[in-house]
Amino acid sequence: MLASYPASMVNQKHTDLGIPNRFNLTSSRFSSQALGLDQVPESLLPLLACRESLGLSYAGILVIVLMFFVGELAISRLLYVLRIRDQPY
């Protein structure tokens, strides 16, 4: 076993390990869905960082972020229908 991993933490859930659940999201299909919380920063921050070198306008960045957001939701839903994912989001 890992020497740096305390034995008292082996069989505990992540909520018991002192990791705060700041959003208090439940596992319900609708209440645990935080749309945009993952997708928008994942696409927006790299685009903003490379805006000048790619020659993008802010309107272009907005279009790309929206395309990424809608595309990710559509692909996620498709993977759920194909039973590759457990949840549709």
PDB file of N, CA and C in Angstrom:
ATOM      1  N   MET A   1       0.836  -1.180   0.000  1.00  0.00           N
ATOM      2  CA  MET A   1       0.000   0.000   0.000  1.00  0.00           C
ATOM      3  C   MET A   1       0.881   1.244   0.000  1.00  0.00           C
ATOM      4  N   LEU A   2       0.231   2.365  -0.214  1.00  0.00           N
ATOM      5  CA  LEU A   2       0.960   3.615  -0.207  1.00  0.00           C
ATOM      6  C   LEU A   2       1.251   4.040   1.222  1.00  0.00           C
ATOM      7  N   ALA A   3       2.500   4.327   1.492  1.00  0.00           N
ATOM      8  CA  ALA A   3       2.886   4.713   2.845  1.00  0.00           C
ATOM      9  C   ALA A   3       2.371   6.098   3.202  1.00  0.00           C
ATOM     10  N   SER A   4       2.174   6.945   2.196  1.00  0.00           N
ATOM     11  CA  SER A   4       1.725   8.303   2.490  1.00  0.00           C
ATOM     12  C   SER A   4       0.203   8.398   2.606  1.00  0.00           C
ATOM     13  N   TYR A   5      -0.514   7.335   2.348  1.00  0.00           N
ATOM     14  CA  TYR A   5      -1.973   7.316   2.393  1.00  0.00           C
ATOM     15  C   TYR A   5      -2.409   6.764   3.732  1.00  0.00           C
ATOM     16  N   PRO A   6      -3.000   7.580   4.588  1.00  0.00           N
ATOM     17  CA  PRO A   6      -3.367   7.099   5.918  1.00  0.00           C
ATOM     18  C   PRO A   6      -4.363   5.942   5.860  1.00  0.00           C
ATOM     19  N   ALA A   7      -4.171   4.954   6.695  1.00  0.00           N
ATOM     20  CA  ALA A   7      -5.046   3.779   6.714  1.00  0.00           C
ATOM     21  C   ALA A   7      -6.472   4.144   7.089  1.00  0.00           C
ATOM     22  N   SER A   8      -6.648   5.204   7.832  1.00  0.00           N
ATOM     23  CA  SER A   8      -7.990   5.600   8.233  1.00  0.00           C
ATOM     24  C   SER A   8      -8.816   6.139   7.068  1.00  0.00           C
ATOM     25  N   MET A   9      -8.172   6.440   5.937  1.00  0.00           N
ATOM     26  CA  MET A   9      -8.872   7.011   4.789  1.00  0.00           C
ATOM     27  C   MET A   9      -9.198   5.978   3.718  1.00  0.00           C
ATOM     28  N   VAL A  10      -8.792   4.756   3.886  1.00  0.00           N
ATOM     29  CA  VAL A  10      -8.917   3.753   2.839  1.00  0.00           C
ATOM     30  C   VAL A  10     -10.357   3.479   2.445  1.00  0.00           C
ATOM     31  N   ASN A  11     -11.248   3.259   3.383  1.00  0.00           N
ATOM     32  CA  ASN A  11     -12.611   2.868   3.063  1.00  0.00           C
ATOM     33  C   ASN A  11     -13.632   3.982   3.281  1.00  0.00           C
ATOM     34  N   GLN A  12     -13.212   5.216   3.200  1.00  0.00           N
ATOM     35  CA  GLN A  12     -14.134   6.324   3.417  1.00  0.00           C
ATOM     36  C   GLN A  12     -14.586   6.923   2.091  1.00  0.00           C
ATOM     37  N   LYS A  13     -15.767   7.508   2.114  1.00  0.00           N
ATOM     38  CA  LYS A  13     -16.272   8.217   0.945  1.00  0.00           C
ATOM     39  C   LYS A  13     -15.572   9.560   0.855  1.00  0.00           C
ATOM     40  N   HIS A  14     -15.605  10.163  -0.362  1.00  0.00           N
ATOM     41  CA  HIS A  14     -14.921  11.442  -0.516  1.00  0.00           C
ATOM     42  C   HIS A  14     -15.524  12.532   0.356  1.00  0.00           C
ATOM     43  N   THR A  15     -16.799  12.427   0.680  1.00  0.00           N
ATOM     44  CA  THR A  15     -17.407  13.435   1.543  1.00  0.00           C
ATOM     45  C   THR A  15     -16.906  13.320   2.974  1.00  0.00           C
ATOM     46  N   ASP A  16     -16.423  12.148   3.352  1.00  0.00           N
ATOM     47  CA  ASP A  16     -15.890  11.938   4.693  1.00  0.00           C
ATOM     48  C   ASP A  16     -14.429  12.358   4.806  1.00  0.00           C
ATOM     49  N   LEU A  17     -13.816  12.705   3.699  1.00  0.00           N
ATOM     50  CA  LEU A  17     -12.390  12.995   3.704  1.00  0.00           C
ATOM     51  C   LEU A  17     -12.083  14.479   3.876  1.00  0.00           C
ATOM     52  N   GLY A  18     -13.068  15.257   4.218  1.00  0.00           N
ATOM     53  CA  GLY A  18     -12.837  16.672   4.421  1.00  0.00           C
ATOM     54  C   GLY A  18     -12.926  17.492   3.148  1.00  0.00           C
ATOM     55  N   ILE A  19     -13.402  16.919   2.064  1.00  0.00           N
ATOM     56  CA  ILE A  19     -13.554  17.657   0.815  1.00  0.00           C
ATOM     57  C   ILE A  19     -14.924  18.329   0.851  1.00  0.00           C
ATOM     58  N   PRO A  20     -14.966  19.650   0.872  1.00  0.00           N
ATOM     59  CA  PRO A  20     -16.258  20.319   0.984  1.00  0.00           C
ATOM     60  C   PRO A  20     -17.061  20.248  -0.309  1.00  0.00           C
ATOM     61  N   ASN A  21     -18.348  20.081  -0.168  1.00  0.00           N
ATOM     62  CA  ASN A  21     -19.256  20.117  -1.303  1.00  0.00           C
ATOM     63  C   ASN A  21     -19.878  21.506  -1.299  1.00  0.00           C
ATOM     64  N   ARG A  22     -19.197  22.447  -1.923  1.00  0.00           N
ATOM     65  CA  ARG A  22     -19.623  23.841  -1.859  1.00  0.00           C
ATOM     66  C   ARG A  22     -20.925  24.099  -2.585  1.00  0.00           C
ATOM     67  N   PHE A  23     -21.239  23.287  -3.571  1.00  0.00           N
ATOM     68  CA  PHE A  23     -22.449  23.506  -4.349  1.00  0.00           C
ATOM     69  C   PHE A  23     -23.638  22.737  -3.804  1.00  0.00           C
ATOM     70  N   ASN A  24     -23.420  21.797  -2.905  1.00  0.00           N
ATOM     71  CA  ASN A  24     -24.474  20.955  -2.346  1.00  0.00           C
ATOM     72  C   ASN A  24     -25.324  20.320  -3.442  1.00  0.00           C
ATOM     73  N   LEU A  25     -24.669  19.799  -4.469  1.00  0.00           N
ATOM     74  CA  LEU A  25     -25.372  19.173  -5.578  1.00  0.00           C
ATOM     75  C   LEU A  25     -25.745  17.754  -5.209  1.00  0.00           C
ATOM     76  N   THR A  26     -26.967  17.383  -5.502  1.00  0.00           N
ATOM     77  CA  THR A  26     -27.411  16.020  -5.245  1.00  0.00           C
ATOM     78  C   THR A  26     -27.240  15.198  -6.508  1.00  0.00           C
ATOM     79  N   SER A  27     -27.562  13.920  -6.437  1.00  0.00           N
ATOM     80  CA  SER A  27     -27.383  13.051  -7.587  1.00  0.00           C
ATOM     81  C   SER A  27     -28.615  12.990  -8.479  1.00  0.00           C
ATOM     82  N   SER A  28     -29.605  13.821  -8.237  1.00  0.00           N
ATOM     83  CA  SER A  28     -30.784  13.861  -9.079  1.00  0.00           C
ATOM     84  C   SER A  28     -30.415  14.316 -10.480  1.00  0.00           C
ATOM     85  N   ARG A  29     -31.151  13.858 -11.466  1.00  0.00           N
ATOM     86  CA  ARG A  29     -30.822  14.155 -12.858  1.00  0.00           C
ATOM     87  C   ARG A  29     -30.807  15.650 -13.133  1.00  0.00           C
ATOM     88  N   PHE A  30     -31.744  16.393 -12.580  1.00  0.00           N
ATOM     89  CA  PHE A  30     -31.846  17.803 -12.897  1.00  0.00           C
ATOM     90  C   PHE A  30     -31.113  18.697 -11.906  1.00  0.00           C
ATOM     91  N   SER A  31     -31.099  18.337 -10.657  1.00  0.00           N
ATOM     92  CA  SER A  31     -30.515  19.230  -9.669  1.00  0.00           C
ATOM     93  C   SER A  31     -28.991  19.170  -9.645  1.00  0.00           C
ATOM     94  N   SER A  32     -28.375  18.112 -10.139  1.00  0.00           N
ATOM     95  CA  SER A  32     -26.925  18.035 -10.105  1.00  0.00           C
ATOM     96  C   SER A  32     -26.291  18.530 -11.395  1.00  0.00           C
ATOM     97  N   GLN A  33     -27.091  19.040 -12.292  1.00  0.00           N
ATOM     98  CA  GLN A  33     -26.589  19.510 -13.562  1.00  0.00           C
ATOM     99  C   GLN A  33     -26.202  20.981 -13.420  1.00  0.00           C
ATOM    100  N   ALA A  34     -24.931  21.280 -13.500  1.00  0.00           N
ATOM    101  CA  ALA A  34     -24.436  22.649 -13.433  1.00  0.00           C
ATOM    102  C   ALA A  34     -23.945  23.024 -14.828  1.00  0.00           C
ATOM    103  N   LEU A  35     -24.873  23.381 -15.689  1.00  0.00           N
ATOM    104  CA  LEU A  35     -24.542  23.669 -17.083  1.00  0.00           C
ATOM    105  C   LEU A  35     -23.563  24.827 -17.193  1.00  0.00           C
ATOM    106  N   GLY A  36     -22.559  24.627 -17.998  1.00  0.00           N
ATOM    107  CA  GLY A  36     -21.591  25.671 -18.256  1.00  0.00           C
ATOM    108  C   GLY A  36     -20.457  25.753 -17.268  1.00  0.00           C
ATOM    109  N   LEU A  37     -20.623  25.183 -16.100  1.00  0.00           N
ATOM    110  CA  LEU A  37     -19.594  25.278 -15.073  1.00  0.00           C
ATOM    111  C   LEU A  37     -18.304  24.586 -15.510  1.00  0.00           C
ATOM    112  N   ASP A  38     -18.425  23.573 -16.315  1.00  0.00           N
ATOM    113  CA  ASP A  38     -17.263  22.846 -16.799  1.00  0.00           C
ATOM    114  C   ASP A  38     -16.903  23.259 -18.227  1.00  0.00           C
ATOM    115  N   GLN A  39     -17.896  23.397 -19.087  1.00  0.00           N
ATOM    116  CA  GLN A  39     -17.656  23.606 -20.499  1.00  0.00           C
ATOM    117  C   GLN A  39     -17.135  25.006 -20.831  1.00  0.00           C
ATOM    118  N   VAL A  40     -17.716  26.016 -20.228  1.00  0.00           N
ATOM    119  CA  VAL A  40     -17.360  27.392 -20.598  1.00  0.00           C
ATOM    120  C   VAL A  40     -15.909  27.729 -20.248  1.00  0.00           C
ATOM    121  N   PRO A  41     -15.449  27.526 -19.012  1.00  0.00           N
ATOM    122  CA  PRO A  41     -14.038  27.837 -18.732  1.00  0.00           C
ATOM    123  C   PRO A  41     -13.072  26.978 -19.540  1.00  0.00           C
ATOM    124  N   GLU A  42     -13.459  25.732 -19.823  1.00  0.00           N
ATOM    125  CA  GLU A  42     -12.591  24.819 -20.566  1.00  0.00           C
ATOM    126  C   GLU A  42     -12.329  25.318 -21.983  1.00  0.00           C
ATOM    127  N   SER A  43     -13.268  26.022 -22.566  1.00  0.00           N
ATOM    128  CA  SER A  43     -13.079  26.540 -23.919  1.00  0.00           C
ATOM    129  C   SER A  43     -12.723  28.024 -23.917  1.00  0.00           C
ATOM    130  N   LEU A  44     -13.259  28.775 -22.976  1.00  0.00           N
ATOM    131  CA  LEU A  44     -13.063  30.231 -22.973  1.00  0.00           C
ATOM    132  C   LEU A  44     -11.640  30.640 -22.603  1.00  0.00           C
ATOM    133  N   LEU A  45     -11.091  30.068 -21.556  1.00  0.00           N
ATOM    134  CA  LEU A  45      -9.772  30.497 -21.082  1.00  0.00           C
ATOM    135  C   LEU A  45      -8.655  30.282 -22.105  1.00  0.00           C
ATOM    136  N   PRO A  46      -8.565  29.117 -22.763  1.00  0.00           N
ATOM    137  CA  PRO A  46      -7.527  28.967 -23.789  1.00  0.00           C
ATOM    138  C   PRO A  46      -7.720  29.919 -24.976  1.00  0.00           C
ATOM    139  N   LEU A  47      -8.981  30.161 -25.343  1.00  0.00           N
ATOM    140  CA  LEU A  47      -9.242  31.080 -26.450  1.00  0.00           C
ATOM    141  C   LEU A  47      -8.837  32.501 -26.090  1.00  0.00           C
ATOM    142  N   LEU A  48      -9.116  32.925 -24.880  1.00  0.00           N
ATOM    143  CA  LEU A  48      -8.709  34.262 -24.459  1.00  0.00           C
ATOM    144  C   LEU A  48      -7.189  34.385 -24.404  1.00  0.00           C
ATOM    145  N   ALA A  49      -6.525  33.334 -23.967  1.00  0.00           N
ATOM    146  CA  ALA A  49      -5.067  33.356 -23.872  1.00  0.00           C
ATOM    147  C   ALA A  49      -4.404  33.407 -25.255  1.00  0.00           C
ATOM    148  N   CYS A  50      -5.037  32.797 -26.244  1.00  0.00           N
ATOM    149  CA  CYS A  50      -4.458  32.727 -27.593  1.00  0.00           C
ATOM    150  C   CYS A  50      -5.171  33.636 -28.588  1.00  0.00           C
ATOM    151  N   ARG A  51      -5.966  34.558 -28.097  1.00  0.00           N
ATOM    152  CA  ARG A  51      -6.795  35.394 -28.966  1.00  0.00           C
ATOM    153  C   ARG A  51      -5.977  36.148 -30.000  1.00  0.00           C
ATOM    154  N   GLU A  52      -4.934  36.808 -29.594  1.00  0.00           N
ATOM    155  CA  GLU A  52      -4.143  37.610 -30.533  1.00  0.00           C
ATOM    156  C   GLU A  52      -3.376  36.750 -31.520  1.00  0.00           C
ATOM    157  N   SER A  53      -2.783  35.658 -31.054  1.00  0.00           N
ATOM    158  CA  SER A  53      -2.000  34.812 -31.962  1.00  0.00           C
ATOM    159  C   SER A  53      -2.888  34.083 -32.967  1.00  0.00           C
ATOM    160  N   LEU A  54      -4.146  33.842 -32.612  1.00  0.00           N
ATOM    161  CA  LEU A  54      -5.079  33.201 -33.539  1.00  0.00           C
ATOM    162  C   LEU A  54      -5.878  34.219 -34.348  1.00  0.00           C
ATOM    163  N   GLY A  55      -5.766  35.483 -33.998  1.00  0.00           N
ATOM    164  CA  GLY A  55      -6.479  36.532 -34.715  1.00  0.00           C
ATOM    165  C   GLY A  55      -7.982  36.479 -34.510  1.00  0.00           C
ATOM    166  N   LEU A  56      -8.417  36.145 -33.315  1.00  0.00           N
ATOM    167  CA  LEU A  56      -9.843  36.015 -33.018  1.00  0.00           C
ATOM    168  C   LEU A  56     -10.404  37.304 -32.432  1.00  0.00           C
ATOM    169  N   SER A  57     -11.620  37.626 -32.805  1.00  0.00           N
ATOM    170  CA  SER A  57     -12.332  38.727 -32.166  1.00  0.00           C
ATOM    171  C   SER A  57     -13.105  38.157 -30.981  1.00  0.00           C
ATOM    172  N   TYR A  58     -13.623  39.053 -30.152  1.00  0.00           N
ATOM    173  CA  TYR A  58     -14.417  38.583 -29.019  1.00  0.00           C
ATOM    174  C   TYR A  58     -15.707  37.918 -29.492  1.00  0.00           C
ATOM    175  N   ALA A  59     -16.253  38.400 -30.601  1.00  0.00           N
ATOM    176  CA  ALA A  59     -17.455  37.762 -31.163  1.00  0.00           C
ATOM    177  C   ALA A  59     -17.122  36.352 -31.654  1.00  0.00           C
ATOM    178  N   GLY A  60     -15.967  36.190 -32.268  1.00  0.00           N
ATOM    179  CA  GLY A  60     -15.539  34.864 -32.713  1.00  0.00           C
ATOM    180  C   GLY A  60     -15.335  33.911 -31.547  1.00  0.00           C
ATOM    181  N   ILE A  61     -14.756  34.425 -30.464  1.00  0.00           N
ATOM    182  CA  ILE A  61     -14.562  33.604 -29.269  1.00  0.00           C
ATOM    183  C   ILE A  61     -15.906  33.178 -28.705  1.00  0.00           C
ATOM    184  N   LEU A  62     -16.870  34.095 -28.677  1.00  0.00           N
ATOM    185  CA  LEU A  62     -18.196  33.767 -28.175  1.00  0.00           C
ATOM    186  C   LEU A  62     -18.849  32.668 -29.012  1.00  0.00           C
ATOM    187  N   VAL A  63     -18.707  32.755 -30.324  1.00  0.00           N
ATOM    188  CA  VAL A  63     -19.274  31.734 -31.212  1.00  0.00           C
ATOM    189  C   VAL A  63     -18.621  30.378 -30.964  1.00  0.00           C
ATOM    190  N   ILE A  64     -17.309  30.356 -30.822  1.00  0.00           N
ATOM    191  CA  ILE A  64     -16.595  29.095 -30.595  1.00  0.00           C
ATOM    192  C   ILE A  64     -16.984  28.489 -29.255  1.00  0.00           C
ATOM    193  N   VAL A  65     -17.100  29.310 -28.215  1.00  0.00           N
ATOM    194  CA  VAL A  65     -17.496  28.813 -26.893  1.00  0.00           C
ATOM    195  C   VAL A  65     -18.906  28.236 -26.955  1.00  0.00           C
ATOM    196  N   LEU A  66     -19.822  28.921 -27.636  1.00  0.00           N
ATOM    197  CA  LEU A  66     -21.189  28.399 -27.774  1.00  0.00           C
ATOM    198  C   LEU A  66     -21.218  27.089 -28.562  1.00  0.00           C
ATOM    199  N   MET A  67     -20.405  27.012 -29.623  1.00  0.00           N
ATOM    200  CA  MET A  67     -20.334  25.767 -30.399  1.00  0.00           C
ATOM    201  C   MET A  67     -19.786  24.628 -29.541  1.00  0.00           C
ATOM    202  N   PHE A  68     -18.762  24.904 -28.753  1.00  0.00           N
ATOM    203  CA  PHE A  68     -18.192  23.892 -27.870  1.00  0.00           C
ATOM    204  C   PHE A  68     -19.214  23.434 -26.844  1.00  0.00           C
ATOM    205  N   PHE A  69     -19.945  24.391 -26.261  1.00  0.00           N
ATOM    206  CA  PHE A  69     -20.939  24.098 -25.235  1.00  0.00           C
ATOM    207  C   PHE A  69     -22.064  23.233 -25.798  1.00  0.00           C
ATOM    208  N   VAL A  70     -22.640  23.639 -26.915  1.00  0.00           N
ATOM    209  CA  VAL A  70     -23.739  22.887 -27.533  1.00  0.00           C
ATOM    210  C   VAL A  70     -23.251  21.530 -28.034  1.00  0.00           C
ATOM    211  N   GLY A  71     -22.069  21.504 -28.634  1.00  0.00           N
ATOM    212  CA  GLY A  71     -21.518  20.241 -29.131  1.00  0.00           C
ATOM    213  C   GLY A  71     -21.250  19.246 -28.016  1.00  0.00           C
ATOM    214  N   GLU A  72     -20.716  19.735 -26.903  1.00  0.00           N
ATOM    215  CA  GLU A  72     -20.441  18.841 -25.778  1.00  0.00           C
ATOM    216  C   GLU A  72     -21.725  18.259 -25.213  1.00  0.00           C
ATOM    217  N   LEU A  73     -22.768  19.072 -25.109  1.00  0.00           N
ATOM    218  CA  LEU A  73     -24.047  18.573 -24.607  1.00  0.00           C
ATOM    219  C   LEU A  73     -24.662  17.554 -25.567  1.00  0.00           C
ATOM    220  N   ALA A  74     -24.567  17.819 -26.867  1.00  0.00           N
ATOM    221  CA  ALA A  74     -25.129  16.899 -27.858  1.00  0.00           C
ATOM    222  C   ALA A  74     -24.381  15.568 -27.860  1.00  0.00           C
ATOM    223  N   ILE A  75     -23.056  15.628 -27.831  1.00  0.00           N
ATOM    224  CA  ILE A  75     -22.264  14.395 -27.821  1.00  0.00           C
ATOM    225  C   ILE A  75     -22.496  13.621 -26.526  1.00  0.00           C
ATOM    226  N   SER A  76     -22.582  14.333 -25.413  1.00  0.00           N
ATOM    227  CA  SER A  76     -22.836  13.670 -24.133  1.00  0.00           C
ATOM    228  C   SER A  76     -24.184  12.959 -24.150  1.00  0.00           C
ATOM    229  N   ARG A  77     -25.193  13.615 -24.698  1.00  0.00           N
ATOM    230  CA  ARG A  77     -26.527  12.994 -24.792  1.00  0.00           C
ATOM    231  C   ARG A  77     -26.494  11.764 -25.700  1.00  0.00           C
ATOM    232  N   LEU A  78     -25.777  11.864 -26.820  1.00  0.00           N
ATOM    233  CA  LEU A  78     -25.657  10.729 -27.741  1.00  0.00           C
ATOM    234  C   LEU A  78     -24.968   9.546 -27.062  1.00  0.00           C
ATOM    235  N   LEU A  79     -23.911   9.805 -26.329  1.00  0.00           N
ATOM    236  CA  LEU A  79     -23.217   8.737 -25.611  1.00  0.00           C
ATOM    237  C   LEU A  79     -24.108   8.103 -24.551  1.00  0.00           C
ATOM    238  N   TYR A  80     -24.998   8.895 -23.957  1.00  0.00           N
ATOM    239  CA  TYR A  80     -25.949   8.361 -22.984  1.00  0.00           C
ATOM    240  C   TYR A  80     -26.963   7.452 -23.679  1.00  0.00           C
ATOM    241  N   VAL A  81     -27.464   7.881 -24.828  1.00  0.00           N
ATOM    242  CA  VAL A  81     -28.428   7.070 -25.579  1.00  0.00           C
ATOM    243  C   VAL A  81     -27.790   5.756 -26.027  1.00  0.00           C
ATOM    244  N   LEU A  82     -26.517   5.804 -26.385  1.00  0.00           N
ATOM    245  CA  LEU A  82     -25.797   4.598 -26.797  1.00  0.00           C
ATOM    246  C   LEU A  82     -25.338   3.760 -25.608  1.00  0.00           C
ATOM    247  N   ARG A  83     -25.676   4.195 -24.408  1.00  0.00           N
ATOM    248  CA  ARG A  83     -25.341   3.522 -23.150  1.00  0.00           C
ATOM    249  C   ARG A  83     -23.830   3.425 -22.900  1.00  0.00           C
ATOM    250  N   ILE A  84     -23.113   4.414 -23.386  1.00  0.00           N
ATOM    251  CA  ILE A  84     -21.688   4.516 -23.113  1.00  0.00           C
ATOM    252  C   ILE A  84     -21.474   5.319 -21.837  1.00  0.00           C
ATOM    253  N   ARG A  85     -22.353   6.292 -21.596  1.00  0.00           N
ATOM    254  CA  ARG A  85     -22.322   7.094 -20.365  1.00  0.00           C
ATOM    255  C   ARG A  85     -23.456   6.691 -19.454  1.00  0.00           C
ATOM    256  N   ASP A  86     -23.259   6.883 -18.155  1.00  0.00           N
ATOM    257  CA  ASP A  86     -24.307   6.561 -17.172  1.00  0.00           C
ATOM    258  C   ASP A  86     -25.300   7.695 -17.001  1.00  0.00           C
ATOM    259  N   GLN A  87     -24.868   8.925 -17.249  1.00  0.00           N
ATOM    260  CA  GLN A  87     -25.725  10.086 -17.087  1.00  0.00           C
ATOM    261  C   GLN A  87     -25.700  10.904 -18.368  1.00  0.00           C
ATOM    262  N   PRO A  88     -26.802  11.594 -18.699  1.00  0.00           N
ATOM    263  CA  PRO A  88     -26.853  12.327 -19.970  1.00  0.00           C
ATOM    264  C   PRO A  88     -26.122  13.659 -19.951  1.00  0.00           C
ATOM    265  N   TYR A  89     -25.375  13.969 -18.926  1.00  0.00           N
ATOM    266  CA  TYR A  89     -24.659  15.249 -18.859  1.00  0.00           C
ATOM    267  C   TYR A  89     -23.294  15.052 -18.291  1.00  0.00           C
TER     268      TYR A  89
END
